[in-house]
Amino acid sequence: MIRVAIVVSESEGQRQKSAGFCLLSIMAIAGMFLSVSMLSSSIPGVNEPHYLCKARSFSDPAWCARDFFLTSTNAHYCFFWLIGPLTQVVSLPTAALVGRGMSALILALGWTVLARGLGLSAAMRFFAACAFAFLSQLGSFSGEWLLAGFESKVSAWGFGLSAVGFWIRGTVRTCPGWMTVAGICCGVGAILHPVVGGWIAVCICMASLLDFITRLRMIGLTSSTKSFIGIGAFSCATIAVALPGLIPALRIVLDNSLSRQDRELASFIQVFWRLKHHLDPTELMAAQWLYAGGLLALSVSLFFILQRKLRMDAQAVTTGMNRDAASRMAVHTNLLLIFFGSSVVIAFVGVGIGWHVVDAQHMQGWQWRAVLLKFYPFRTFDALLPIVNGLLLALVWQRLMADRWKKAALVIGVVCCGLPFVAAILKRGSVPPGYTPDQFAEWQAACAWIQTQTPPDTLWLTPRESFAFKWLAERAEYVCYKDCPQDAAGILEWNRRLWWLNHWTLKSSTDGVYNRPELAELRAETGCDFIVTRILGPFETAPVWRGKVWQVIKVP
């Protein structure tokens, strides 16, 4: 009895120690993610005004009530429903900071679930996260990022990584229960961001079907039934949980209130103009292709190195437990690469759909191509490139730590953990794109004056490079190039407003001065009360505020 009690006590102590190391690892990874986010992108980040201003308007429709974008259809309904109340009790910068912290923690939890499933120790999980953070700072394939601010996709990826980790467990153990948990996590990811969660679910289903076909050939139909049930459990759980996020998104996608021609035009504008840097493969630069090709080649090389090392370890060990551990790691890594391979297939199909050597409008079948491309076929592949390589690097490093190169591997690993911070500092821009430091400093001063010296219900004509105007000035914009709606009617109206302003600007500038009749035409068409500009003018009306670069004009 005494011996049994001692064994139980030791076992409980080991479990507590393991749990403590796991918690410490999670907090360290979350802290590293948050630090990289803050070092690489100051608040507000490039997309934070877009998302957080929409969330604030969602909870308080009276705020900037005349803003065109804020009153458009909500594609990320659940995210705005969750974050909107936060913007009512704290400032937008504080909400962004809290959001970055929460997202970093969710991403760290997902990272831990996946990395533990692959057999990485607590220290190696942190190293893998550092490798991912470093690689993600080096570039992207289609503009995807996870550590540069707060928006819905960051938390969605956290739940998505958890889903992949539980899916690997469920597949290896042929356990419908774990598959259901994976589906729940994936569904939560889809609630927050339907595109991210949806593509992760598709990749898991593709990988599961391939695994099921393999099992079917090897062990027959009877023994594979449980595996098929697991696929069904995952799919049902994902769809059921994701419905609150999918329904608003599907309403936008399936909206037939406009004519077919108008819907096709809206898709064209979205894919081949506004978001062409994300969705049109012919618009991707050579550096982006080199980044993707280099990391894809690295992942394949690391995979074969790891598999060879695991086979050697399995043959060399004398204990069955170590042999089993090496075999499990090989199987789990295979599943990760099958999942990653599914995203590669989707991305290559997307490239085939979108590739054109003529102007997009002259491409045969551009209508159906645009409809498919607007679902971001490159997004999952782009995000997984640094994720998978980070995990594979850590798995290889862990095997090196177990042999005679342990000391050298340890020293190199510690040094490498500092790389993401260096890369983040080097990547950080002092001002948003389109601004010099002096221009941005005066832009902030102009917005501060607008916030305190103009009525809250006014409507503003802002420049194309307008950055965080609603965030800084808390005033509505007639149209903002950055803030493009996602529904067809909104996209067409956004496009119409931009082109009307372009024609009005060209016409008004032909005589060298913006006179009162032309400003009256602007008010009659747009309802704008003020103009903030650095390039328009000169105006017949004197500015109500003027800096060295920017000026504010009241529309009579």
Protein backbone atom coordinates (compact mmCIF):
# COMPACT_ATOMS: atom_id res chain seq x y z
CA MET A 1 0.00 0.00 0.00
CA ILE A 2 2.83 2.38 0.88
CA ARG A 3 4.63 1.60 -2.39
CA VAL A 4 1.44 2.24 -4.37
CA ALA A 5 0.90 5.57 -2.60
CA ILE A 6 4.45 6.66 -3.37
CA VAL A 7 4.06 5.78 -7.06
CA VAL A 8 0.75 7.66 -7.26
CA SER A 9 2.26 10.67 -5.52
CA GLU A 10 5.22 10.74 -7.90
CA SER A 11 2.92 10.38 -10.87
CA GLU A 12 0.76 13.27 -9.64
CA GLY A 13 3.84 15.39 -9.04
CA GLN A 14 5.09 14.71 -12.55
CA ARG A 15 1.72 15.69 -13.98
CA GLN A 16 1.71 18.95 -12.01
CA LYS A 17 5.26 19.72 -13.13
CA SER A 18 4.33 18.99 -16.74
CA ALA A 19 1.24 21.19 -16.49
CA GLY A 20 3.33 23.99 -14.98
CA PHE A 21 5.87 23.83 -17.79
CA CYS A 22 3.05 23.78 -20.33
CA LEU A 23 1.42 26.88 -18.79
CA LEU A 24 4.78 28.65 -18.65
CA SER A 25 5.39 27.76 -22.29
CA ILE A 26 1.99 29.12 -23.34
CA MET A 27 2.56 32.40 -21.53
CA ALA A 28 6.08 32.73 -22.99
CA ILE A 29 4.80 32.10 -26.52
CA ALA A 30 1.92 34.56 -26.05
CA GLY A 31 4.31 37.17 -24.70
CA MET A 32 6.65 36.65 -27.64
CA PHE A 33 3.77 36.94 -30.14
CA LEU A 34 2.54 40.14 -28.49
CA SER A 35 6.05 41.62 -28.36
CA VAL A 36 6.63 40.93 -32.05
CA SER A 37 3.24 42.45 -32.85
CA MET A 38 4.01 45.63 -30.91
CA LEU A 39 7.55 45.91 -32.27
CA SER A 40 6.57 45.40 -35.89
CA SER A 41 3.42 47.54 -35.93
CA SER A 42 2.50 50.49 -33.73
CA ILE A 43 -1.11 51.13 -32.72
CA PRO A 44 -3.13 51.59 -34.83
CA GLY A 45 -1.89 48.92 -37.21
CA VAL A 46 -2.79 48.91 -40.88
CA ASN A 47 -6.15 47.13 -40.44
CA GLU A 48 -7.08 48.07 -36.88
CA PRO A 49 -8.97 51.28 -37.81
CA HIS A 50 -10.88 49.25 -40.41
CA TYR A 51 -12.03 46.59 -37.92
CA LEU A 52 -12.27 48.46 -34.63
CA CYS A 53 -14.11 51.47 -36.02
CA LYS A 54 -16.60 49.06 -37.57
CA ALA A 55 -16.93 47.28 -34.21
CA ARG A 56 -17.54 50.59 -32.42
CA SER A 57 -20.17 51.59 -34.95
CA PHE A 58 -21.79 48.16 -34.57
CA SER A 59 -22.37 48.77 -30.85
CA ASP A 60 -23.03 52.51 -31.20
CA PRO A 61 -24.69 53.26 -34.57
CA ALA A 62 -24.85 56.97 -33.70
CA TRP A 63 -21.04 57.18 -33.79
CA CYS A 64 -19.97 58.51 -37.22
CA ALA A 65 -23.50 57.67 -38.35
CA ARG A 66 -23.08 59.24 -41.80
CA ASP A 67 -19.99 57.19 -42.70
CA PHE A 68 -20.52 55.11 -45.83
CA PHE A 69 -18.36 52.14 -44.83
CA LEU A 70 -19.58 51.90 -41.24
CA THR A 71 -23.19 51.65 -42.40
CA SER A 72 -22.43 48.93 -44.98
CA THR A 73 -23.21 45.23 -44.50
CA ASN A 74 -21.20 43.41 -41.80
CA ALA A 75 -19.27 40.40 -43.12
CA HIS A 76 -17.64 39.68 -39.72
CA TYR A 77 -20.85 39.98 -37.72
CA CYS A 78 -19.83 37.86 -34.72
CA PHE A 79 -16.45 39.54 -34.34
CA PHE A 80 -18.10 42.97 -34.23
CA TRP A 81 -20.72 41.65 -31.80
CA LEU A 82 -17.99 40.41 -29.47
CA ILE A 83 -15.57 43.34 -29.70
CA GLY A 84 -18.08 46.18 -30.09
CA PRO A 85 -18.90 46.41 -26.35
CA LEU A 86 -15.18 46.69 -25.54
CA THR A 87 -14.93 49.84 -27.68
CA GLN A 88 -17.70 51.41 -25.57
CA VAL A 89 -15.79 51.17 -22.28
CA VAL A 90 -12.20 51.83 -23.38
CA SER A 91 -10.56 53.95 -26.06
CA LEU A 92 -9.80 52.50 -29.48
CA PRO A 93 -6.02 52.31 -28.80
CA THR A 94 -6.70 50.44 -25.54
CA ALA A 95 -9.14 48.12 -27.32
CA ALA A 96 -6.45 47.39 -29.91
CA LEU A 97 -3.90 46.61 -27.18
CA VAL A 98 -6.32 44.35 -25.30
CA GLY A 99 -7.27 42.68 -28.58
CA ARG A 100 -3.66 42.06 -29.49
CA GLY A 101 -3.07 40.49 -26.09
CA MET A 102 -6.14 38.24 -26.31
CA SER A 103 -5.30 37.23 -29.87
CA ALA A 104 -1.70 36.43 -28.92
CA LEU A 105 -2.93 34.21 -26.08
CA ILE A 106 -5.45 32.37 -28.28
CA LEU A 107 -2.80 31.90 -30.97
CA ALA A 108 -0.34 30.61 -28.34
CA LEU A 109 -2.92 28.12 -27.05
CA GLY A 110 -3.56 26.85 -30.56
CA TRP A 111 0.16 26.67 -31.22
CA THR A 112 0.65 24.62 -28.07
CA VAL A 113 -2.13 22.16 -28.88
CA LEU A 114 -0.69 21.54 -32.34
CA ALA A 115 2.97 21.44 -31.26
CA ARG A 116 2.28 19.08 -28.35
CA GLY A 117 0.41 16.80 -30.71
CA LEU A 118 3.54 16.63 -32.86
CA GLY A 119 5.66 15.67 -29.84
CA LEU A 120 7.52 18.93 -29.20
CA SER A 121 8.71 19.67 -25.68
CA ALA A 122 7.82 22.93 -23.95
CA ALA A 123 11.18 24.53 -24.83
CA MET A 124 10.95 23.36 -28.44
CA ARG A 125 7.41 24.71 -28.73
CA PHE A 126 8.76 28.15 -27.85
CA PHE A 127 11.61 27.74 -30.34
CA ALA A 128 9.11 26.69 -33.03
CA ALA A 129 7.00 29.78 -32.29
CA CYS A 130 10.09 32.00 -32.59
CA ALA A 131 11.00 30.38 -35.89
CA PHE A 132 7.46 30.98 -37.17
CA ALA A 133 7.52 34.62 -36.00
CA PHE A 134 10.88 35.20 -37.70
CA LEU A 135 9.89 33.58 -41.00
CA SER A 136 6.60 35.48 -41.06
CA GLN A 137 8.53 38.78 -40.82
CA LEU A 138 10.54 37.97 -43.96
CA GLY A 139 7.60 38.34 -46.33
CA SER A 140 4.44 36.66 -47.55
CA PHE A 141 2.99 35.11 -50.68
CA SER A 142 -0.28 37.02 -50.94
CA GLY A 143 -0.07 39.56 -48.13
CA GLU A 144 -1.22 37.32 -45.26
CA TRP A 145 0.03 38.09 -41.74
CA LEU A 146 -0.76 37.03 -38.16
CA LEU A 147 1.54 39.16 -35.98
CA ALA A 148 0.98 42.74 -37.12
CA GLY A 149 -2.14 43.89 -35.31
CA PHE A 150 -5.59 42.98 -34.06
CA GLU A 151 -8.29 41.67 -36.31
CA SER A 152 -10.55 38.64 -36.43
CA LYS A 153 -8.25 36.36 -38.44
CA VAL A 154 -5.58 36.18 -35.70
CA SER A 155 -7.91 34.58 -33.15
CA ALA A 156 -9.49 32.50 -35.91
CA TRP A 157 -6.07 31.04 -36.70
CA GLY A 158 -5.54 30.30 -33.00
CA PHE A 159 -8.66 28.14 -32.94
CA GLY A 160 -7.71 26.73 -36.35
CA LEU A 161 -4.34 25.51 -35.06
CA SER A 162 -6.13 23.87 -32.13
CA ALA A 163 -8.43 22.19 -34.63
CA VAL A 164 -5.47 20.80 -36.57
CA GLY A 165 -3.85 19.53 -33.37
CA PHE A 166 -7.01 17.74 -32.20
CA TRP A 167 -7.62 16.43 -35.72
CA ILE A 168 -4.18 14.81 -35.75
CA ARG A 169 -4.93 13.15 -32.39
CA GLY A 170 -8.33 11.99 -33.59
CA THR A 171 -6.98 10.63 -36.85
CA VAL A 172 -4.11 8.70 -35.25
CA ARG A 173 -6.34 7.22 -32.55
CA THR A 174 -9.33 6.81 -34.89
CA CYS A 175 -11.36 8.65 -32.25
CA PRO A 176 -14.59 10.44 -33.29
CA GLY A 177 -14.49 12.29 -29.96
CA TRP A 178 -11.27 14.09 -30.74
CA MET A 179 -12.54 14.74 -34.26
CA THR A 180 -15.63 16.39 -32.76
CA VAL A 181 -13.44 18.61 -30.57
CA ALA A 182 -11.45 19.54 -33.68
CA GLY A 183 -14.70 20.44 -35.43
CA ILE A 184 -15.80 22.63 -32.52
CA CYS A 185 -12.49 24.54 -32.59
CA CYS A 186 -12.68 24.93 -36.36
CA GLY A 187 -16.27 26.14 -36.07
CA VAL A 188 -15.28 28.80 -33.54
CA GLY A 189 -12.57 29.93 -35.95
CA ALA A 190 -15.20 30.22 -38.69
CA ILE A 191 -17.45 32.24 -36.37
CA LEU A 192 -14.68 34.81 -35.97
CA HIS A 193 -13.53 34.72 -39.60
CA PRO A 194 -15.56 32.59 -42.05
CA VAL A 195 -12.84 32.51 -44.73
CA VAL A 196 -10.04 31.44 -42.37
CA GLY A 197 -12.12 28.86 -40.51
CA GLY A 198 -13.76 27.64 -43.70
CA TRP A 199 -10.51 26.97 -45.55
CA ILE A 200 -8.97 25.22 -42.55
CA ALA A 201 -12.04 22.97 -42.44
CA VAL A 202 -11.74 22.24 -46.16
CA CYS A 203 -8.05 21.35 -45.80
CA ILE A 204 -8.78 19.05 -42.85
CA CYS A 205 -11.55 17.31 -44.80
CA MET A 206 -9.29 16.86 -47.83
CA ALA A 207 -6.52 15.43 -45.65
CA SER A 208 -9.01 13.19 -43.80
CA LEU A 209 -10.40 11.78 -47.03
CA LEU A 210 -6.89 11.00 -48.28
CA ASP A 211 -6.11 9.27 -44.98
CA PHE A 212 -9.41 7.37 -45.16
CA ILE A 213 -8.66 6.15 -48.70
CA THR A 214 -5.21 5.00 -47.56
CA ARG A 215 -6.67 3.11 -44.61
CA LEU A 216 -9.34 1.61 -46.85
CA ARG A 217 -6.73 0.14 -49.15
CA MET A 218 -4.58 -1.14 -46.29
CA ILE A 219 -7.05 -2.53 -43.75
CA GLY A 220 -10.39 -2.78 -45.56
CA LEU A 221 -13.82 -1.17 -45.25
CA THR A 222 -14.88 -2.72 -41.94
CA SER A 223 -11.87 -1.44 -40.03
CA SER A 224 -12.11 1.99 -41.69
CA THR A 225 -15.70 2.69 -40.66
CA LYS A 226 -14.68 4.43 -37.45
CA SER A 227 -12.37 6.71 -39.40
CA PHE A 228 -15.22 7.67 -41.73
CA ILE A 229 -17.44 8.37 -38.72
CA GLY A 230 -14.72 10.69 -37.42
CA ILE A 231 -14.76 12.69 -40.66
CA GLY A 232 -18.53 13.03 -40.36
CA ALA A 233 -18.27 14.08 -36.71
CA PHE A 234 -15.72 16.76 -37.58
CA SER A 235 -17.81 18.11 -40.47
CA CYS A 236 -21.07 18.21 -38.52
CA ALA A 237 -19.46 19.86 -35.48
CA THR A 238 -17.76 22.48 -37.65
CA ILE A 239 -20.90 23.43 -39.53
CA ALA A 240 -23.11 23.46 -36.42
CA VAL A 241 -20.77 25.68 -34.41
CA ALA A 242 -19.90 27.95 -37.35
CA LEU A 243 -23.49 28.86 -38.26
CA PRO A 244 -23.58 32.20 -36.36
CA GLY A 245 -20.66 33.40 -38.45
CA LEU A 246 -21.51 31.61 -41.68
CA ILE A 247 -25.10 32.84 -41.98
CA PRO A 248 -24.22 36.59 -42.23
CA ALA A 249 -21.38 35.78 -44.66
CA LEU A 250 -23.61 33.56 -46.81
CA ARG A 251 -26.25 36.28 -46.96
CA ILE A 252 -23.67 38.54 -48.61
CA VAL A 253 -22.44 35.82 -50.98
CA LEU A 254 -25.92 34.61 -51.96
CA ASP A 255 -27.55 38.04 -52.20
CA ASN A 256 -29.45 38.25 -55.51
CA SER A 257 -31.00 41.67 -55.04
CA LEU A 258 -28.88 43.06 -57.89
CA SER A 259 -28.77 41.91 -61.48
CA ARG A 260 -26.27 39.23 -62.48
CA GLN A 261 -24.30 41.79 -64.47
CA ASP A 262 -24.00 44.09 -61.46
CA ARG A 263 -22.91 41.23 -59.19
CA GLU A 264 -20.25 40.19 -61.69
CA LEU A 265 -19.01 43.77 -61.96
CA ALA A 266 -18.77 44.00 -58.17
CA SER A 267 -16.71 40.80 -58.07
CA PHE A 268 -14.42 42.16 -60.79
CA ILE A 269 -13.85 45.40 -58.88
CA GLN A 270 -13.13 43.50 -55.67
CA VAL A 271 -10.77 40.89 -57.16
CA PHE A 272 -8.99 42.64 -60.02
CA TRP A 273 -8.80 46.15 -58.62
CA ARG A 274 -9.28 46.77 -54.90
CA LEU A 275 -7.83 43.46 -53.60
CA LYS A 276 -5.73 42.44 -56.58
CA HIS A 277 -2.60 42.36 -54.36
CA HIS A 278 -4.26 39.50 -52.42
CA LEU A 279 -6.37 37.77 -55.07
CA ASP A 280 -4.86 38.18 -58.55
CA PRO A 281 -1.82 35.87 -58.92
CA THR A 282 -0.44 37.90 -61.82
CA GLU A 283 -0.14 40.93 -59.50
CA LEU A 284 2.15 39.14 -57.03
CA MET A 285 5.74 40.38 -57.19
CA ALA A 286 8.80 38.25 -57.87
CA ALA A 287 9.87 38.53 -54.21
CA GLN A 288 6.55 37.01 -53.13
CA TRP A 289 6.97 34.04 -55.46
CA LEU A 290 10.55 33.56 -54.27
CA TYR A 291 9.41 33.69 -50.64
CA ALA A 292 6.74 31.05 -51.24
CA GLY A 293 9.00 28.85 -53.34
CA GLY A 294 11.85 29.08 -50.85
CA LEU A 295 9.73 28.18 -47.83
CA LEU A 296 7.94 25.43 -49.73
CA ALA A 297 11.28 23.90 -50.68
CA LEU A 298 12.50 24.29 -47.09
CA SER A 299 9.43 22.52 -45.70
CA VAL A 300 9.88 19.57 -48.08
CA SER A 301 13.59 19.31 -47.22
CA LEU A 302 12.94 19.47 -43.48
CA PHE A 303 10.23 16.85 -43.77
CA PHE A 304 12.52 14.33 -45.47
CA ILE A 305 15.38 15.09 -43.07
CA LEU A 306 13.06 14.53 -40.12
CA GLN A 307 11.58 11.34 -41.52
CA ARG A 308 15.05 9.92 -42.17
CA LYS A 309 16.18 10.85 -38.65
CA LEU A 310 13.09 9.26 -37.10
CA ARG A 311 13.60 6.04 -39.05
CA MET A 312 17.20 5.89 -37.87
CA ASP A 313 16.15 6.55 -34.27
CA ALA A 314 13.45 3.88 -34.43
CA GLN A 315 15.97 1.32 -35.66
CA ALA A 316 18.69 2.29 -33.17
CA VAL A 317 16.76 2.42 -29.88
CA THR A 318 16.57 -0.55 -27.59
CA THR A 319 13.38 0.26 -25.71
CA GLY A 320 9.93 -0.17 -27.17
CA MET A 321 8.72 3.12 -25.71
CA ASN A 322 11.30 5.20 -27.59
CA ARG A 323 10.65 3.27 -30.76
CA ASP A 324 6.94 3.95 -30.41
CA ALA A 325 7.59 7.64 -29.74
CA ALA A 326 9.62 7.95 -32.95
CA SER A 327 6.94 6.13 -34.91
CA ARG A 328 4.18 8.35 -33.52
CA MET A 329 6.12 11.50 -34.38
CA ALA A 330 6.58 10.25 -37.94
CA VAL A 331 2.86 9.55 -38.31
CA HIS A 332 1.84 12.90 -36.80
CA THR A 333 4.27 14.78 -39.02
CA ASN A 334 2.91 12.97 -42.06
CA LEU A 335 -0.59 14.16 -41.21
CA LEU A 336 0.63 17.74 -40.77
CA LEU A 337 2.25 17.64 -44.20
CA ILE A 338 -0.90 16.15 -45.76
CA PHE A 339 -2.90 19.02 -44.27
CA PHE A 340 -0.34 21.53 -45.56
CA GLY A 341 -0.36 19.80 -48.93
CA SER A 342 -4.12 20.34 -49.15
CA SER A 343 -3.56 24.09 -48.83
CA VAL A 344 -0.88 23.89 -51.53
CA VAL A 345 -3.34 22.20 -53.89
CA ILE A 346 -5.98 24.87 -53.22
CA ALA A 347 -3.43 27.64 -53.84
CA PHE A 348 -2.23 26.09 -57.11
CA VAL A 349 -5.82 25.73 -58.29
CA GLY A 350 -6.33 29.40 -57.42
CA VAL A 351 -3.27 30.34 -59.47
CA GLY A 352 -4.66 28.36 -62.42
CA ILE A 353 -8.05 30.05 -62.11
CA GLY A 354 -6.66 33.57 -61.85
CA TRP A 355 -3.66 33.50 -64.18
CA HIS A 356 -3.95 35.75 -67.23
CA VAL A 357 -1.59 37.23 -69.80
CA VAL A 358 -4.13 39.75 -71.11
CA ASP A 359 -6.00 42.44 -69.22
CA ALA A 360 -8.35 40.90 -66.66
CA GLN A 361 -11.45 42.25 -68.41
CA HIS A 362 -10.37 40.48 -71.60
CA MET A 363 -9.71 37.15 -69.90
CA GLN A 364 -12.08 34.41 -70.99
CA GLY A 365 -14.52 33.57 -68.22
CA TRP A 366 -13.42 36.39 -65.92
CA GLN A 367 -16.90 36.39 -64.43
CA TRP A 368 -16.72 32.94 -62.80
CA ARG A 369 -13.01 33.33 -62.10
CA ALA A 370 -13.63 36.50 -60.09
CA VAL A 371 -16.40 34.81 -58.11
CA LEU A 372 -14.05 31.99 -57.07
CA LEU A 373 -10.98 34.13 -56.43
CA LYS A 374 -12.78 36.40 -53.97
CA PHE A 375 -12.75 33.48 -51.49
CA TYR A 376 -8.99 33.99 -51.00
CA PRO A 377 -7.61 30.64 -52.26
CA PHE A 378 -4.02 31.62 -51.33
CA ARG A 379 -4.72 32.67 -47.76
CA THR A 380 -4.33 29.32 -45.95
CA PHE A 381 -1.21 28.32 -47.89
CA ASP A 382 0.33 31.73 -47.22
CA ALA A 383 -0.27 31.55 -43.46
CA LEU A 384 0.86 27.92 -43.20
CA LEU A 385 4.22 28.50 -44.90
CA PRO A 386 5.94 29.99 -41.81
CA ILE A 387 3.81 27.93 -39.41
CA VAL A 388 4.74 24.54 -40.88
CA ASN A 389 8.38 25.48 -41.36
CA GLY A 390 8.63 26.71 -37.79
CA LEU A 391 7.25 23.43 -36.48
CA LEU A 392 9.48 21.31 -38.73
CA LEU A 393 12.58 23.28 -37.76
CA ALA A 394 11.80 22.65 -34.10
CA LEU A 395 11.17 18.94 -34.69
CA VAL A 396 14.52 18.57 -36.44
CA TRP A 397 16.23 20.62 -33.73
CA GLN A 398 14.68 18.46 -31.04
CA ARG A 399 16.11 15.33 -32.63
CA LEU A 400 19.55 16.99 -32.85
CA MET A 401 19.28 17.91 -29.17
CA ALA A 402 18.94 14.20 -28.38
CA ASP A 403 22.29 13.18 -29.86
CA ARG A 404 25.94 14.26 -29.66
CA TRP A 405 25.24 17.71 -31.15
CA LYS A 406 23.13 18.67 -28.16
CA LYS A 407 25.31 21.54 -26.87
CA ALA A 408 25.78 23.15 -30.26
CA ALA A 409 22.07 22.82 -31.04
CA LEU A 410 21.18 24.37 -27.69
CA VAL A 411 23.44 27.41 -28.23
CA ILE A 412 22.21 27.97 -31.77
CA GLY A 413 18.59 27.55 -30.65
CA VAL A 414 18.94 30.19 -27.92
CA VAL A 415 20.50 32.65 -30.38
CA CYS A 416 17.76 32.01 -32.95
CA CYS A 417 15.05 32.88 -30.43
CA GLY A 418 16.12 36.52 -30.66
CA LEU A 419 15.74 36.71 -34.44
CA PRO A 420 11.99 37.51 -34.55
CA PHE A 421 12.49 40.59 -32.36
CA VAL A 422 15.31 41.88 -34.57
CA ALA A 423 13.27 41.23 -37.71
CA ALA A 424 10.22 42.97 -36.20
CA ILE A 425 12.22 46.09 -35.33
CA LEU A 426 13.75 46.22 -38.81
CA LYS A 427 10.34 45.73 -40.44
CA ARG A 428 8.61 48.46 -38.43
CA GLY A 429 7.72 51.53 -40.44
CA SER A 430 7.78 54.93 -38.79
CA VAL A 431 4.73 56.17 -40.71
CA PRO A 432 1.90 54.63 -42.77
CA PRO A 433 2.40 54.15 -46.53
CA GLY A 434 1.94 57.36 -48.52
CA TYR A 435 3.18 59.69 -45.77
CA THR A 436 6.47 61.29 -44.86
CA PRO A 437 7.11 61.72 -41.11
CA ASP A 438 6.28 65.44 -41.31
CA GLN A 439 3.12 64.80 -43.31
CA PHE A 440 1.90 62.16 -40.87
CA ALA A 441 2.66 64.29 -37.81
CA GLU A 442 0.63 67.14 -39.30
CA TRP A 443 -2.13 64.69 -40.36
CA GLN A 444 -2.47 63.69 -36.72
CA ALA A 445 -2.55 67.36 -35.68
CA ALA A 446 -5.25 68.09 -38.25
CA CYS A 447 -7.34 65.15 -37.03
CA ALA A 448 -6.96 66.31 -33.41
CA TRP A 449 -8.19 69.78 -34.37
CA ILE A 450 -11.12 68.30 -36.32
CA GLN A 451 -12.14 66.15 -33.35
CA THR A 452 -12.32 69.11 -30.97
CA GLN A 453 -13.35 71.99 -33.22
CA THR A 454 -15.98 70.59 -35.60
CA PRO A 455 -19.49 69.18 -34.99
CA PRO A 456 -19.57 65.37 -34.47
CA ASP A 457 -22.25 64.80 -37.14
CA THR A 458 -20.31 66.35 -40.03
CA LEU A 459 -19.38 64.44 -43.20
CA TRP A 460 -15.84 64.72 -44.58
CA LEU A 461 -14.14 64.40 -47.93
CA THR A 462 -10.77 62.82 -47.13
CA PRO A 463 -7.78 62.07 -49.40
CA ARG A 464 -7.15 58.67 -50.98
CA GLU A 465 -4.25 58.02 -48.60
CA SER A 466 -6.50 58.75 -45.61
CA PHE A 467 -5.23 56.71 -42.66
CA ALA A 468 -7.30 56.14 -39.51
CA PHE A 469 -9.37 59.30 -40.01
CA LYS A 470 -12.37 57.88 -38.16
CA TRP A 471 -10.03 56.60 -35.44
CA LEU A 472 -8.18 59.89 -34.97
CA ALA A 473 -10.82 62.51 -35.82
CA GLU A 474 -13.99 60.51 -34.98
CA ARG A 475 -15.79 61.94 -37.98
CA ALA A 476 -17.62 60.24 -40.87
CA GLU A 477 -16.04 59.91 -44.33
CA TYR A 478 -17.94 60.17 -47.58
CA VAL A 479 -15.78 57.41 -49.05
CA CYS A 480 -12.42 55.89 -48.11
CA TYR A 481 -10.32 53.85 -50.52
CA LYS A 482 -9.11 51.57 -47.71
CA ASP A 483 -12.62 50.94 -46.37
CA CYS A 484 -14.26 49.03 -49.19
CA PRO A 485 -17.54 47.23 -48.33
CA GLN A 486 -17.85 43.50 -49.04
CA ASP A 487 -21.40 43.28 -50.36
CA ALA A 488 -22.04 43.79 -54.08
CA ALA A 489 -24.23 46.88 -53.69
CA GLY A 490 -21.69 48.46 -51.34
CA ILE A 491 -18.79 47.73 -53.68
CA LEU A 492 -20.59 49.30 -56.64
CA GLU A 493 -21.52 52.41 -54.63
CA TRP A 494 -17.95 52.67 -53.29
CA ASN A 495 -16.67 52.51 -56.87
CA ARG A 496 -19.23 55.09 -58.06
CA ARG A 497 -18.27 57.55 -55.34
CA LEU A 498 -14.57 57.26 -56.10
CA TRP A 499 -15.08 57.81 -59.82
CA TRP A 500 -17.45 60.75 -59.26
CA LEU A 501 -14.85 62.42 -57.07
CA ASN A 502 -12.18 61.74 -59.68
CA HIS A 503 -14.23 63.43 -62.39
CA TRP A 504 -15.17 66.33 -60.10
CA THR A 505 -11.53 66.88 -59.15
CA LEU A 506 -10.34 66.88 -62.77
CA LYS A 507 -13.11 69.27 -63.82
CA SER A 508 -12.62 71.62 -60.89
CA SER A 509 -8.86 71.87 -61.31
CA THR A 510 -8.90 72.77 -65.04
CA ASP A 511 -9.24 76.51 -64.37
CA GLY A 512 -6.65 76.50 -61.57
CA VAL A 513 -9.04 77.20 -58.68
CA TYR A 514 -11.82 75.38 -56.82
CA ASN A 515 -14.56 78.04 -56.80
CA ARG A 516 -17.79 78.29 -54.83
CA PRO A 517 -20.10 76.82 -57.54
CA GLU A 518 -17.87 73.77 -57.72
CA LEU A 519 -17.95 73.36 -53.95
CA ALA A 520 -21.73 73.80 -54.07
CA GLU A 521 -21.87 70.96 -56.61
CA LEU A 522 -19.78 68.82 -54.25
CA ARG A 523 -22.19 69.45 -51.36
CA ALA A 524 -25.24 68.78 -53.53
CA GLU A 525 -23.86 65.44 -54.74
CA THR A 526 -22.11 64.15 -51.62
CA GLY A 527 -23.45 66.10 -48.66
CA CYS A 528 -19.87 66.74 -47.48
CA ASP A 529 -19.45 69.53 -44.94
CA PHE A 530 -15.65 69.75 -44.94
CA ILE A 531 -12.61 68.81 -47.03
CA VAL A 532 -9.24 67.82 -45.61
CA THR A 533 -6.53 67.76 -48.28
CA ARG A 534 -2.88 68.38 -49.08
CA ILE A 535 -3.02 68.37 -52.90
CA LEU A 536 -6.41 69.87 -53.87
CA GLY A 537 -6.66 73.59 -54.41
CA PRO A 538 -6.21 76.43 -54.42
CA PHE A 539 -9.69 77.14 -53.08
CA GLU A 540 -11.71 80.29 -53.49
CA THR A 541 -12.88 79.73 -49.91
CA ALA A 542 -10.26 80.37 -47.24
CA PRO A 543 -9.30 77.32 -45.11
CA VAL A 544 -10.59 77.13 -41.55
CA TRP A 545 -7.37 75.35 -40.53
CA ARG A 546 -4.05 75.28 -42.30
CA GLY A 547 -0.75 73.58 -41.62
CA LYS A 548 2.41 73.37 -43.67
CA VAL A 549 0.99 70.45 -45.69
CA TRP A 550 -2.68 69.90 -44.82
CA GLN A 551 -5.61 72.25 -44.86
CA VAL A 552 -9.27 72.03 -43.88
CA ILE A 553 -11.90 73.67 -46.11
CA LYS A 554 -15.50 74.25 -45.07
CA VAL A 555 -17.88 73.48 -47.92
CA PRO A 556 -20.34 76.40 -48.27
